[in-house]
């Protein structure tokens, strides 16, 4: 033992408690700690006439000084009378509980993370049973043996059963074989031809949509210049104006009137009134190419036909605005040039 808790017997420090090293106790016997000992107050430099010596009783021995300090505090608290006043509890409003709350939340999160990791480790630690090649072969042999036994039982039932039951089974087998043959023929003959038809339809759809990539209402425009063989054009042309000076085919006129917008009607009538060659070399008002001034000068469209087109569209769509219609016509001409340029580049 290195330290001792003592209670002084005499002097001004009588009944006071102190923690002193064991080597301060004169002639100390650890086996007899109940008697009174003389203790030298050996702190600091030793005086010329020796250390001051006081009598004290030993209460407790320990290896650590902190242990005796704790025991000393307990003895002092037991000897102190309790106060009759109520213990003061500070108001929670003045306490800084934010840090405590954050710390508690952090601890909870740490606990959850640790629990999740522990569960993952437990799942990973569960070793699946390793099947050796011998065990696998044995399992396959058992399955084959069981299948043979089932087939044997079924064959016995079929051979030993009633004639009506065997006929029913034969009928079912024939029906299944017939169905398998039909499905095989479908997979070999019908499905490839159907797939080819779908691919052709998709390619035609893509081609028609590429022709109208700049305008959404050009679904009927491709059939104006070159009508399909299923829709023969009427030999009687239809007049765009009341004076019969400007005429288009009946097919073009009906297609133009079927357009849902004024711009669509104008684009359709444009292809009926002017040929593609004229549109490629012309413009709405003509003039020099703004992008390439050295290019060929654009010729203006026939003002008579253009006025007939605008009047017909405005008459059919009273709310349509002329600037919007003229812009749609210019866009359609630009689309034709772009398509022609793309064809020449591809060829």
C-alpha atoms as a PDB file:
ATOM      1  CA  UNK A   1       0.000   0.000   0.000  1.00  0.00           C
ATOM      2  CA  UNK A   2       1.326   3.435  -0.897  1.00  0.00           C
ATOM      3  CA  UNK A   3      -1.220   5.811   0.659  1.00  0.00           C
ATOM      4  CA  UNK A   4      -3.265   5.982   3.856  1.00  0.00           C
ATOM      5  CA  UNK A   5      -6.360   7.922   4.908  1.00  0.00           C
ATOM      6  CA  UNK A   6      -5.781   9.161   8.486  1.00  0.00           C
ATOM      7  CA  UNK A   7      -7.748  11.085  11.099  1.00  0.00           C
ATOM      8  CA  UNK A   8      -5.715  13.407  13.311  1.00  0.00           C
ATOM      9  CA  UNK A   9      -6.023  12.772  17.062  1.00  0.00           C
ATOM     10  CA  UNK A  10      -4.730  16.012  18.604  1.00  0.00           C
ATOM     11  CA  UNK A  11      -3.933  19.602  17.780  1.00  0.00           C
ATOM     12  CA  UNK A  12      -5.836  22.171  15.809  1.00  0.00           C
ATOM     13  CA  UNK A  13      -6.563  19.606  13.057  1.00  0.00           C
ATOM     14  CA  UNK A  14      -8.238  17.138  15.438  1.00  0.00           C
ATOM     15  CA  UNK A  15     -10.752  14.821  13.710  1.00  0.00           C
ATOM     16  CA  UNK A  16      -9.705  16.241  10.355  1.00  0.00           C
ATOM     17  CA  UNK A  17      -9.030  13.833   7.477  1.00  0.00           C
ATOM     18  CA  UNK A  18      -5.927  13.702   5.293  1.00  0.00           C
ATOM     19  CA  UNK A  19      -4.337  11.428   2.704  1.00  0.00           C
ATOM     20  CA  UNK A  20      -0.625  10.836   3.384  1.00  0.00           C
ATOM     21  CA  UNK A  21       2.045   8.552   1.921  1.00  0.00           C
ATOM     22  CA  UNK A  22       2.771   5.402   3.911  1.00  0.00           C
ATOM     23  CA  UNK A  23       6.469   6.290   4.254  1.00  0.00           C
ATOM     24  CA  UNK A  24       5.482   9.288   6.430  1.00  0.00           C
ATOM     25  CA  UNK A  25       4.121   6.929   9.104  1.00  0.00           C
ATOM     26  CA  UNK A  26       6.728   6.142  11.778  1.00  0.00           C
ATOM     27  CA  UNK A  27       7.228   2.413  12.412  1.00  0.00           C
ATOM     28  CA  UNK A  28       4.160   1.528  10.376  1.00  0.00           C
ATOM     29  CA  UNK A  29       2.947  -2.095  10.539  1.00  0.00           C
ATOM     30  CA  UNK A  30       0.422  -2.924   7.790  1.00  0.00           C
ATOM     31  CA  UNK A  31      -0.907  -5.843   9.862  1.00  0.00           C
ATOM     32  CA  UNK A  32      -1.745  -3.580  12.800  1.00  0.00           C
ATOM     33  CA  UNK A  33      -3.485  -0.526  11.407  1.00  0.00           C
ATOM     34  CA  UNK A  34      -5.886   0.000  14.315  1.00  0.00           C
ATOM     35  CA  UNK A  35      -3.422   1.589  16.754  1.00  0.00           C
ATOM     36  CA  UNK A  36      -2.383   5.212  16.838  1.00  0.00           C
ATOM     37  CA  UNK A  37       0.765   6.158  14.893  1.00  0.00           C
ATOM     38  CA  UNK A  38       3.059   9.132  14.685  1.00  0.00           C
ATOM     39  CA  UNK A  39       3.074  10.748  11.267  1.00  0.00           C
ATOM     40  CA  UNK A  40       5.782  13.036   9.961  1.00  0.00           C
ATOM     41  CA  UNK A  41       4.612  15.948   7.855  1.00  0.00           C
ATOM     42  CA  UNK A  42       7.354  15.409   5.266  1.00  0.00           C
ATOM     43  CA  UNK A  43       6.303  17.870   2.593  1.00  0.00           C
ATOM     44  CA  UNK A  44       8.889  20.299   1.335  1.00  0.00           C
ATOM     45  CA  UNK A  45      12.502  20.602   2.497  1.00  0.00           C
ATOM     46  CA  UNK A  46      13.459  18.807   5.733  1.00  0.00           C
ATOM     47  CA  UNK A  47      14.061  21.264   8.609  1.00  0.00           C
ATOM     48  CA  UNK A  48      17.373  21.185  10.499  1.00  0.00           C
ATOM     49  CA  UNK A  49      15.574  20.065  13.671  1.00  0.00           C
ATOM     50  CA  UNK A  50      13.482  17.349  11.885  1.00  0.00           C
ATOM     51  CA  UNK A  51       9.903  17.001  10.577  1.00  0.00           C
ATOM     52  CA  UNK A  52       6.819  18.018  12.532  1.00  0.00           C
ATOM     53  CA  UNK A  53       5.200  14.906  14.041  1.00  0.00           C
ATOM     54  CA  UNK A  54       1.467  14.480  14.800  1.00  0.00           C
ATOM     55  CA  UNK A  55      -0.608  11.556  16.139  1.00  0.00           C
ATOM     56  CA  UNK A  56      -3.327  10.069  13.947  1.00  0.00           C
ATOM     57  CA  UNK A  57      -5.513   6.991  13.443  1.00  0.00           C
ATOM     58  CA  UNK A  58      -5.341   5.079  10.164  1.00  0.00           C
ATOM     59  CA  UNK A  59      -8.783   4.666   8.560  1.00  0.00           C
ATOM     60  CA  UNK A  60      -8.031   3.130   5.159  1.00  0.00           C
ATOM     61  CA  UNK A  61      -5.142   2.022   2.947  1.00  0.00           C
ATOM     62  CA  UNK A  62      -4.994   2.048  -0.854  1.00  0.00           C
ATOM     63  CA  UNK A  63      -2.607   1.903  -3.794  1.00  0.00           C
ATOM     64  CA  UNK A  64      -3.994   5.058  -5.433  1.00  0.00           C
ATOM     65  CA  UNK A  65      -4.422   8.435  -3.864  1.00  0.00           C
ATOM     66  CA  UNK A  66      -7.613   9.060  -5.849  1.00  0.00           C
ATOM     67  CA  UNK A  67      -9.333   6.128  -4.135  1.00  0.00           C
ATOM     68  CA  UNK A  68      -8.686   7.626  -0.711  1.00  0.00           C
ATOM     69  CA  UNK A  69      -9.770  11.080  -1.919  1.00  0.00           C
ATOM     70  CA  UNK A  70     -13.128   9.593  -2.917  1.00  0.00           C
ATOM     71  CA  UNK A  71     -13.460   7.875   0.467  1.00  0.00           C
ATOM     72  CA  UNK A  72     -12.582  11.144   2.198  1.00  0.00           C
ATOM     73  CA  UNK A  73     -15.348  12.971   0.309  1.00  0.00           C
ATOM     74  CA  UNK A  74     -17.884  10.320   1.273  1.00  0.00           C
ATOM     75  CA  UNK A  75     -16.929  10.567   4.958  1.00  0.00           C
ATOM     76  CA  UNK A  76     -17.183  14.349   4.864  1.00  0.00           C
ATOM     77  CA  UNK A  77     -20.619  14.171   3.239  1.00  0.00           C
ATOM     78  CA  UNK A  78     -21.834  11.698   5.862  1.00  0.00           C
ATOM     79  CA  UNK A  79     -20.667  13.969   8.639  1.00  0.00           C
ATOM     80  CA  UNK A  80     -22.281  17.089   7.137  1.00  0.00           C
ATOM     81  CA  UNK A  81     -25.941  17.583   8.159  1.00  0.00           C
ATOM     82  CA  UNK A  82     -28.379  17.773   5.269  1.00  0.00           C
ATOM     83  CA  UNK A  83     -29.846  21.147   4.431  1.00  0.00           C
ATOM     84  CA  UNK A  84     -33.577  21.594   4.853  1.00  0.00           C
ATOM     85  CA  UNK A  85     -33.731  23.832   1.793  1.00  0.00           C
ATOM     86  CA  UNK A  86     -35.041  22.449  -1.437  1.00  0.00           C
ATOM     87  CA  UNK A  87     -32.372  21.738  -4.008  1.00  0.00           C
ATOM     88  CA  UNK A  88     -32.264  24.450  -6.627  1.00  0.00           C
ATOM     89  CA  UNK A  89     -33.021  23.229 -10.141  1.00  0.00           C
ATOM     90  CA  UNK A  90     -31.939  25.608 -12.922  1.00  0.00           C
ATOM     91  CA  UNK A  91     -34.517  26.657 -15.477  1.00  0.00           C
ATOM     92  CA  UNK A  92     -34.326  24.665 -18.714  1.00  0.00           C
ATOM     93  CA  UNK A  93     -34.754  27.876 -20.668  1.00  0.00           C
ATOM     94  CA  UNK A  94     -31.280  29.016 -19.601  1.00  0.00           C
ATOM     95  CA  UNK A  95     -29.616  25.675 -20.323  1.00  0.00           C
ATOM     96  CA  UNK A  96     -27.750  25.170 -23.577  1.00  0.00           C
ATOM     97  CA  UNK A  97     -29.414  21.918 -24.591  1.00  0.00           C
ATOM     98  CA  UNK A  98     -28.720  22.230 -28.307  1.00  0.00           C
ATOM     99  CA  UNK A  99     -25.278  20.650 -28.128  1.00  0.00           C
ATOM    100  CA  UNK A 100     -26.577  17.859 -25.927  1.00  0.00           C
ATOM    101  CA  UNK A 101     -29.388  17.129 -28.371  1.00  0.00           C
ATOM    102  CA  UNK A 102     -26.994  17.032 -31.305  1.00  0.00           C
ATOM    103  CA  UNK A 103     -24.666  14.745 -29.394  1.00  0.00           C
ATOM    104  CA  UNK A 104     -27.520  12.419 -28.483  1.00  0.00           C
ATOM    105  CA  UNK A 105     -28.725  12.305 -32.072  1.00  0.00           C
ATOM    106  CA  UNK A 106     -25.194  11.591 -33.207  1.00  0.00           C
ATOM    107  CA  UNK A 107     -24.922   8.736 -30.741  1.00  0.00           C
ATOM    108  CA  UNK A 108     -28.233   7.314 -31.906  1.00  0.00           C
ATOM    109  CA  UNK A 109     -27.070   7.468 -35.506  1.00  0.00           C
ATOM    110  CA  UNK A 110     -23.815   5.788 -34.537  1.00  0.00           C
ATOM    111  CA  UNK A 111     -25.773   3.058 -32.795  1.00  0.00           C
ATOM    112  CA  UNK A 112     -27.920   2.542 -35.891  1.00  0.00           C
ATOM    113  CA  UNK A 113     -24.887   2.422 -38.157  1.00  0.00           C
ATOM    114  CA  UNK A 114     -23.135  -0.031 -35.871  1.00  0.00           C
ATOM    115  CA  UNK A 115     -26.243  -2.209 -35.686  1.00  0.00           C
ATOM    116  CA  UNK A 116     -26.591  -2.201 -39.483  1.00  0.00           C
ATOM    117  CA  UNK A 117     -22.925  -3.127 -39.946  1.00  0.00           C
ATOM    118  CA  UNK A 118     -23.212  -5.860 -37.368  1.00  0.00           C
ATOM    119  CA  UNK A 119     -26.271  -7.315 -39.105  1.00  0.00           C
ATOM    120  CA  UNK A 120     -24.431  -7.204 -42.457  1.00  0.00           C
ATOM    121  CA  UNK A 121     -21.468  -8.990 -40.953  1.00  0.00           C
ATOM    122  CA  UNK A 122     -23.781 -11.612 -39.486  1.00  0.00           C
ATOM    123  CA  UNK A 123     -25.405 -12.179 -42.862  1.00  0.00           C
ATOM    124  CA  UNK A 124     -22.029 -12.385 -44.596  1.00  0.00           C
ATOM    125  CA  UNK A 125     -20.652 -14.664 -41.923  1.00  0.00           C
ATOM    126  CA  UNK A 126     -23.318 -17.241 -42.588  1.00  0.00           C
ATOM    127  CA  UNK A 127     -21.538 -19.728 -44.743  1.00  0.00           C
ATOM    128  CA  UNK A 128     -23.529 -21.488 -47.380  1.00  0.00           C
ATOM    129  CA  UNK A 129     -23.115 -25.215 -47.518  1.00  0.00           C
ATOM    130  CA  UNK A 130     -20.375 -26.042 -50.011  1.00  0.00           C
ATOM    131  CA  UNK A 131     -21.342 -28.886 -52.278  1.00  0.00           C
ATOM    132  CA  UNK A 132     -18.486 -30.994 -53.443  1.00  0.00           C
ATOM    133  CA  UNK A 133     -18.506 -32.566 -56.931  1.00  0.00           C
ATOM    134  CA  UNK A 134     -19.255 -35.919 -55.327  1.00  0.00           C
ATOM    135  CA  UNK A 135     -22.344 -34.551 -53.564  1.00  0.00           C
ATOM    136  CA  UNK A 136     -23.540 -32.913 -56.790  1.00  0.00           C
ATOM    137  CA  UNK A 137     -23.206 -36.088 -58.801  1.00  0.00           C
ATOM    138  CA  UNK A 138     -25.023 -38.042 -56.101  1.00  0.00           C
ATOM    139  CA  UNK A 139     -27.887 -35.524 -56.116  1.00  0.00           C
ATOM    140  CA  UNK A 140     -28.173 -35.776 -59.920  1.00  0.00           C
ATOM    141  CA  UNK A 141     -28.227 -39.549 -59.729  1.00  0.00           C
ATOM    142  CA  UNK A 142     -31.001 -39.421 -57.142  1.00  0.00           C
ATOM    143  CA  UNK A 143     -33.067 -37.074 -59.331  1.00  0.00           C
ATOM    144  CA  UNK A 144     -32.580 -39.314 -62.371  1.00  0.00           C
ATOM    145  CA  UNK A 145     -33.562 -42.342 -60.316  1.00  0.00           C
ATOM    146  CA  UNK A 146     -36.718 -40.589 -59.106  1.00  0.00           C
ATOM    147  CA  UNK A 147     -37.635 -39.576 -62.675  1.00  0.00           C
ATOM    148  CA  UNK A 148     -37.163 -43.148 -63.890  1.00  0.00           C
ATOM    149  CA  UNK A 149     -39.430 -44.431 -61.141  1.00  0.00           C
ATOM    150  CA  UNK A 150     -42.121 -41.877 -61.997  1.00  0.00           C
ATOM    151  CA  UNK A 151     -41.913 -42.750 -65.697  1.00  0.00           C
ATOM    152  CA  UNK A 152     -42.182 -46.424 -64.850  1.00  0.00           C
ATOM    153  CA  UNK A 153     -45.256 -45.822 -62.698  1.00  0.00           C
ATOM    154  CA  UNK A 154     -46.903 -43.776 -65.456  1.00  0.00           C
ATOM    155  CA  UNK A 155     -46.101 -46.426 -68.050  1.00  0.00           C
ATOM    156  CA  UNK A 156     -47.541 -49.143 -65.820  1.00  0.00           C
ATOM    157  CA  UNK A 157     -50.693 -47.102 -65.346  1.00  0.00           C
ATOM    158  CA  UNK A 158     -50.953 -46.517 -69.088  1.00  0.00           C
ATOM    159  CA  UNK A 159     -50.370 -50.151 -70.012  1.00  0.00           C
ATOM    160  CA  UNK A 160     -52.497 -51.626 -67.236  1.00  0.00           C
ATOM    161  CA  UNK A 161     -55.274 -49.077 -67.315  1.00  0.00           C
ATOM    162  CA  UNK A 162     -58.596 -49.155 -69.054  1.00  0.00           C
ATOM    163  CA  UNK A 163     -58.769 -48.812 -72.860  1.00  0.00           C
ATOM    164  CA  UNK A 164     -60.814 -45.629 -72.526  1.00  0.00           C
ATOM    165  CA  UNK A 165     -58.102 -43.996 -70.385  1.00  0.00           C
ATOM    166  CA  UNK A 166     -55.361 -44.989 -72.808  1.00  0.00           C
ATOM    167  CA  UNK A 167     -57.378 -43.589 -75.726  1.00  0.00           C
ATOM    168  CA  UNK A 168     -57.822 -40.299 -73.906  1.00  0.00           C
ATOM    169  CA  UNK A 169     -54.096 -40.074 -73.295  1.00  0.00           C
ATOM    170  CA  UNK A 170     -53.345 -40.860 -76.928  1.00  0.00           C
ATOM    171  CA  UNK A 171     -55.812 -38.176 -78.026  1.00  0.00           C
ATOM    172  CA  UNK A 172     -54.175 -35.629 -75.750  1.00  0.00           C
ATOM    173  CA  UNK A 173     -50.721 -36.534 -77.059  1.00  0.00           C
ATOM    174  CA  UNK A 174     -51.887 -36.139 -80.663  1.00  0.00           C
ATOM    175  CA  UNK A 175     -53.473 -32.772 -79.875  1.00  0.00           C
ATOM    176  CA  UNK A 176     -50.264 -31.580 -78.236  1.00  0.00           C
ATOM    177  CA  UNK A 177     -48.176 -32.732 -81.189  1.00  0.00           C
ATOM    178  CA  UNK A 178     -50.525 -30.926 -83.559  1.00  0.00           C
ATOM    179  CA  UNK A 179     -50.300 -27.734 -81.527  1.00  0.00           C
ATOM    180  CA  UNK A 180     -46.500 -27.976 -81.420  1.00  0.00           C
ATOM    181  CA  UNK A 181     -46.415 -28.390 -85.203  1.00  0.00           C
ATOM    182  CA  UNK A 182     -48.645 -25.344 -85.679  1.00  0.00           C
ATOM    183  CA  UNK A 183     -46.482 -23.218 -83.386  1.00  0.00           C
ATOM    184  CA  UNK A 184     -43.324 -24.401 -85.144  1.00  0.00           C
ATOM    185  CA  UNK A 185     -44.722 -23.461 -88.550  1.00  0.00           C
ATOM    186  CA  UNK A 186     -45.777 -20.081 -87.193  1.00  0.00           C
ATOM    187  CA  UNK A 187     -42.318 -19.417 -85.780  1.00  0.00           C
ATOM    188  CA  UNK A 188     -40.603 -20.489 -89.005  1.00  0.00           C
ATOM    189  CA  UNK A 189     -42.908 -19.059 -91.694  1.00  0.00           C
ATOM    190  CA  UNK A 190     -45.480 -16.547 -90.446  1.00  0.00           C
ATOM    191  CA  UNK A 191     -43.519 -14.589 -87.831  1.00  0.00           C
ATOM    192  CA  UNK A 192     -40.536 -13.709 -90.121  1.00  0.00           C
ATOM    193  CA  UNK A 193     -42.878 -12.407 -92.839  1.00  0.00           C
ATOM    194  CA  UNK A 194     -44.823 -10.423 -90.250  1.00  0.00           C
ATOM    195  CA  UNK A 195     -41.582  -9.014 -88.879  1.00  0.00           C
ATOM    196  CA  UNK A 196     -40.478  -8.009 -92.382  1.00  0.00           C
ATOM    197  CA  UNK A 197     -43.802  -6.242 -92.963  1.00  0.00           C
ATOM    198  CA  UNK A 198     -43.464  -4.354 -89.684  1.00  0.00           C
ATOM    199  CA  UNK A 199     -39.910  -3.287 -90.565  1.00  0.00           C
ATOM    200  CA  UNK A 200     -41.085  -2.054 -93.978  1.00  0.00           C
ATOM    201  CA  UNK A 201     -43.921  -0.117 -92.378  1.00  0.00           C
ATOM    202  CA  UNK A 202     -41.547   1.486 -89.876  1.00  0.00           C
ATOM    203  CA  UNK A 203     -39.052   2.451 -92.578  1.00  0.00           C
ATOM    204  CA  UNK A 204     -41.838   4.022 -94.661  1.00  0.00           C
ATOM    205  CA  UNK A 205     -43.042   5.919 -91.613  1.00  0.00           C
ATOM    206  CA  UNK A 206     -39.534   7.206 -90.902  1.00  0.00           C
ATOM    207  CA  UNK A 207     -39.131   8.294 -94.525  1.00  0.00           C
ATOM    208  CA  UNK A 208     -42.429  10.185 -94.523  1.00  0.00           C
ATOM    209  CA  UNK A 209     -41.617  11.832 -91.196  1.00  0.00           C
ATOM    210  CA  UNK A 210     -38.162  12.903 -92.455  1.00  0.00           C
ATOM    211  CA  UNK A 211     -39.802  14.679 -95.370  1.00  0.00           C
ATOM    212  CA  UNK A 212     -41.834  16.753 -92.913  1.00  0.00           C
ATOM    213  CA  UNK A 213     -39.141  17.240 -90.257  1.00  0.00           C
ATOM    214  CA  UNK A 214     -39.482  21.010 -90.294  1.00  0.00           C
ATOM    215  CA  UNK A 215     -43.272  21.225 -90.199  1.00  0.00           C
ATOM    216  CA  UNK A 216     -45.671  19.086 -88.197  1.00  0.00           C
ATOM    217  CA  UNK A 217     -48.693  19.508 -90.492  1.00  0.00           C
ATOM    218  CA  UNK A 218     -47.100  18.054 -93.688  1.00  0.00           C
ATOM    219  CA  UNK A 219     -48.674  14.626 -93.458  1.00  0.00           C
ATOM    220  CA  UNK A 220     -50.769  15.171 -96.597  1.00  0.00           C
ATOM    221  CA  UNK A 221     -48.266  17.312 -98.484  1.00  0.00           C
ATOM    222  CA  UNK A 222     -46.225  14.456 -99.920  1.00  0.00           C
ATOM    223  CA  UNK A 223     -49.315  13.132-101.694  1.00  0.00           C
ATOM    224  CA  UNK A 224     -50.106  16.459-103.373  1.00  0.00           C
ATOM    225  CA  UNK A 225     -47.315  16.543-105.958  1.00  0.00           C
ATOM    226  CA  UNK A 226     -47.366  12.760-106.540  1.00  0.00           C
ATOM    227  CA  UNK A 227     -50.704  11.196-105.561  1.00  0.00           C
ATOM    228  CA  UNK A 228     -50.702   7.538-104.615  1.00  0.00           C
ATOM    229  CA  UNK A 229     -52.104   4.983-107.066  1.00  0.00           C
ATOM    230  CA  UNK A 230     -54.878   4.165-104.575  1.00  0.00           C
ATOM    231  CA  UNK A 231     -56.098   7.794-104.777  1.00  0.00           C
ATOM    232  CA  UNK A 232     -56.473   8.652-108.475  1.00  0.00           C
ATOM    233  CA  UNK A 233     -56.709  12.348-109.178  1.00  0.00           C
ATOM    234  CA  UNK A 234     -59.833  13.764-110.681  1.00  0.00           C
ATOM    235  CA  UNK A 235     -59.393  15.033-114.221  1.00  0.00           C
ATOM    236  CA  UNK A 236     -61.460  18.103-113.368  1.00  0.00           C
ATOM    237  CA  UNK A 237     -59.297  20.830-111.757  1.00  0.00           C
ATOM    238  CA  UNK A 238     -60.701  23.057-109.031  1.00  0.00           C
ATOM    239  CA  UNK A 239     -60.457  26.829-109.063  1.00  0.00           C
ATOM    240  CA  UNK A 240     -58.725  28.509-106.130  1.00  0.00           C
ATOM    241  CA  UNK A 241     -60.239  31.918-106.939  1.00  0.00           C
ATOM    242  CA  UNK A 242     -63.715  32.861-108.010  1.00  0.00           C
ATOM    243  CA  UNK A 243     -62.592  34.039-111.452  1.00  0.00           C
ATOM    244  CA  UNK A 244     -61.276  30.554-112.418  1.00  0.00           C
ATOM    245  CA  UNK A 245     -57.889  32.039-113.375  1.00  0.00           C
ATOM    246  CA  UNK A 246     -55.934  29.875-110.942  1.00  0.00           C
ATOM    247  CA  UNK A 247     -56.681  26.162-110.728  1.00  0.00           C
ATOM    248  CA  UNK A 248     -55.359  23.141-108.800  1.00  0.00           C
ATOM    249  CA  UNK A 249     -56.308  19.490-108.873  1.00  0.00           C
ATOM    250  CA  UNK A 250     -59.337  18.352-106.923  1.00  0.00           C
ATOM    251  CA  UNK A 251     -57.106  16.071-104.867  1.00  0.00           C
ATOM    252  CA  UNK A 252     -54.869  18.996-103.860  1.00  0.00           C
ATOM    253  CA  UNK A 253     -57.843  21.214-103.029  1.00  0.00           C
ATOM    254  CA  UNK A 254     -59.550  18.599-100.843  1.00  0.00           C
ATOM    255  CA  UNK A 255     -56.267  17.797 -99.105  1.00  0.00           C
ATOM    256  CA  UNK A 256     -55.616  21.484 -98.419  1.00  0.00           C
ATOM    257  CA  UNK A 257     -59.076  22.025 -96.950  1.00  0.00           C
ATOM    258  CA  UNK A 258     -58.569  18.974 -94.712  1.00  0.00           C
ATOM    259  CA  UNK A 259     -55.507  20.524 -93.072  1.00  0.00           C
ATOM    260  CA  UNK A 260     -56.131  21.413 -89.388  1.00  0.00           C
ATOM    261  CA  UNK A 261     -54.273  24.762 -89.564  1.00  0.00           C
ATOM    262  CA  UNK A 262     -53.980  27.696 -91.916  1.00  0.00           C
ATOM    263  CA  UNK A 263     -50.230  27.134 -92.324  1.00  0.00           C
ATOM    264  CA  UNK A 264     -50.838  23.524 -93.340  1.00  0.00           C
ATOM    265  CA  UNK A 265     -53.380  24.596 -95.950  1.00  0.00           C
ATOM    266  CA  UNK A 266     -50.959  27.177 -97.369  1.00  0.00           C
ATOM    267  CA  UNK A 267     -48.113  24.653 -97.574  1.00  0.00           C
ATOM    268  CA  UNK A 268     -50.360  22.158 -99.374  1.00  0.00           C
ATOM    269  CA  UNK A 269     -51.688  24.683-101.915  1.00  0.00           C
ATOM    270  CA  UNK A 270     -48.111  25.841-102.544  1.00  0.00           C
ATOM    271  CA  UNK A 271     -47.188  22.396-103.901  1.00  0.00           C
ATOM    272  CA  UNK A 272     -50.333  22.340-106.041  1.00  0.00           C
ATOM    273  CA  UNK A 273     -49.887  25.778-107.594  1.00  0.00           C
ATOM    274  CA  UNK A 274     -46.111  25.660-108.196  1.00  0.00           C
ATOM    275  CA  UNK A 275     -43.882  22.867-109.428  1.00  0.00           C
ATOM    276  CA  UNK A 276     -40.914  21.668-107.394  1.00  0.00           C
ATOM    277  CA  UNK A 277     -38.403  23.037-109.919  1.00  0.00           C
ATOM    278  CA  UNK A 278     -39.951  26.499-109.713  1.00  0.00           C
ATOM    279  CA  UNK A 279     -39.956  26.452-105.909  1.00  0.00           C
ATOM    280  CA  UNK A 280     -36.283  25.408-105.760  1.00  0.00           C
ATOM    281  CA  UNK A 281     -35.250  28.426-107.842  1.00  0.00           C
ATOM    282  CA  UNK A 282     -37.688  30.926-106.328  1.00  0.00           C
ATOM    283  CA  UNK A 283     -38.500  32.697-103.121  1.00  0.00           C
ATOM    284  CA  UNK A 284     -41.539  34.452-101.719  1.00  0.00           C
ATOM    285  CA  UNK A 285     -40.357  37.876-102.833  1.00  0.00           C
ATOM    286  CA  UNK A 286     -37.132  36.940-104.642  1.00  0.00           C
ATOM    287  CA  UNK A 287     -33.804  38.687-104.234  1.00  0.00           C
ATOM    288  CA  UNK A 288     -30.176  37.966-103.409  1.00  0.00           C
ATOM    289  CA  UNK A 289     -29.288  35.089-101.123  1.00  0.00           C
ATOM    290  CA  UNK A 290     -28.457  36.626 -97.729  1.00  0.00           C
ATOM    291  CA  UNK A 291     -26.288  33.700 -96.693  1.00  0.00           C
ATOM    292  CA  UNK A 292     -24.324  33.459 -99.946  1.00  0.00           C
ATOM    293  CA  UNK A 293     -24.579  36.676-102.018  1.00  0.00           C
ATOM    294  CA  UNK A 294     -22.598  35.066-104.841  1.00  0.00           C
ATOM    295  CA  UNK A 295     -25.244  32.374-105.295  1.00  0.00           C
ATOM    296  CA  UNK A 296     -27.913  32.450-107.993  1.00  0.00           C
ATOM    297  CA  UNK A 297     -30.508  35.157-107.504  1.00  0.00           C
ATOM    298  CA  UNK A 298     -33.884  33.870-106.332  1.00  0.00           C
ATOM    299  CA  UNK A 299     -36.902  34.573-108.525  1.00  0.00           C
ATOM    300  CA  UNK A 300     -40.125  35.810-106.882  1.00  0.00           C
ATOM    301  CA  UNK A 301     -43.184  33.597-106.992  1.00  0.00           C
ATOM    302  CA  UNK A 302     -45.980  34.398-109.415  1.00  0.00           C
ATOM    303  CA  UNK A 303     -47.827  37.221-107.606  1.00  0.00           C
ATOM    304  CA  UNK A 304     -51.168  36.223-109.138  1.00  0.00           C
ATOM    305  CA  UNK A 305     -50.940  32.635-107.875  1.00  0.00           C
ATOM    306  CA  UNK A 306     -49.524  33.790-104.543  1.00  0.00           C
ATOM    307  CA  UNK A 307     -52.435  36.203-104.012  1.00  0.00           C
ATOM    308  CA  UNK A 308     -54.917  33.471-104.926  1.00  0.00           C
ATOM    309  CA  UNK A 309     -53.269  31.168-102.353  1.00  0.00           C
ATOM    310  CA  UNK A 310     -53.378  33.791 -99.585  1.00  0.00           C
ATOM    311  CA  UNK A 311     -57.000  34.710-100.326  1.00  0.00           C
ATOM    312  CA  UNK A 312     -58.089  31.074-100.275  1.00  0.00           C
ATOM    313  CA  UNK A 313     -56.393  30.427 -96.924  1.00  0.00           C
ATOM    314  CA  UNK A 314     -57.801  33.596 -95.320  1.00  0.00           C
ATOM    315  CA  UNK A 315     -61.258  32.802 -96.656  1.00  0.00           C
ATOM    316  CA  UNK A 316     -61.103  29.284 -95.194  1.00  0.00           C
ATOM    317  CA  UNK A 317     -59.477  30.453 -91.920  1.00  0.00           C
ATOM    318  CA  UNK A 318     -60.738  33.994 -91.230  1.00  0.00           C
ATOM    319  CA  UNK A 319     -58.568  34.365 -88.139  1.00  0.00           C
ATOM    320  CA  UNK A 320     -55.314  33.611 -89.958  1.00  0.00           C
ATOM    321  CA  UNK A 321     -52.649  36.320 -90.233  1.00  0.00           C
ATOM    322  CA  UNK A 322     -50.905  36.985 -93.536  1.00  0.00           C
ATOM    323  CA  UNK A 323     -47.363  37.306 -92.043  1.00  0.00           C
ATOM    324  CA  UNK A 324     -47.693  33.857 -90.471  1.00  0.00           C
ATOM    325  CA  UNK A 325     -48.872  32.354 -93.761  1.00  0.00           C
ATOM    326  CA  UNK A 326     -46.009  33.958 -95.712  1.00  0.00           C
ATOM    327  CA  UNK A 327     -43.509  32.653 -93.123  1.00  0.00           C
ATOM    328  CA  UNK A 328     -44.942  29.126 -93.502  1.00  0.00           C
ATOM    329  CA  UNK A 329     -44.552  29.355 -97.296  1.00  0.00           C
ATOM    330  CA  UNK A 330     -40.908  30.436 -96.978  1.00  0.00           C
ATOM    331  CA  UNK A 331     -40.218  27.593 -94.555  1.00  0.00           C
ATOM    332  CA  UNK A 332     -41.724  25.056 -96.964  1.00  0.00           C
ATOM    333  CA  UNK A 333     -39.530  26.329 -99.794  1.00  0.00           C
ATOM    334  CA  UNK A 334     -36.471  26.102 -97.532  1.00  0.00           C
ATOM    335  CA  UNK A 335     -37.399  22.500 -96.637  1.00  0.00           C
ATOM    336  CA  UNK A 336     -37.557  21.551-100.309  1.00  0.00           C
ATOM    337  CA  UNK A 337     -34.099  23.025-100.911  1.00  0.00           C
ATOM    338  CA  UNK A 338     -32.701  21.209 -97.890  1.00  0.00           C
ATOM    339  CA  UNK A 339     -34.172  17.885 -99.077  1.00  0.00           C
ATOM    340  CA  UNK A 340     -32.763  18.417-102.562  1.00  0.00           C
ATOM    341  CA  UNK A 341     -29.334  19.228-101.137  1.00  0.00           C
ATOM    342  CA  UNK A 342     -29.408  16.136 -98.947  1.00  0.00           C
ATOM    343  CA  UNK A 343     -30.338  13.917-101.908  1.00  0.00           C
ATOM    344  CA  UNK A 344     -27.484  15.316-103.983  1.00  0.00           C
ATOM    345  CA  UNK A 345     -25.016  14.716-101.136  1.00  0.00           C
ATOM    346  CA  UNK A 346     -26.220  11.127-100.656  1.00  0.00           C
ATOM    347  CA  UNK A 347     -25.915  10.371-104.353  1.00  0.00           C
END
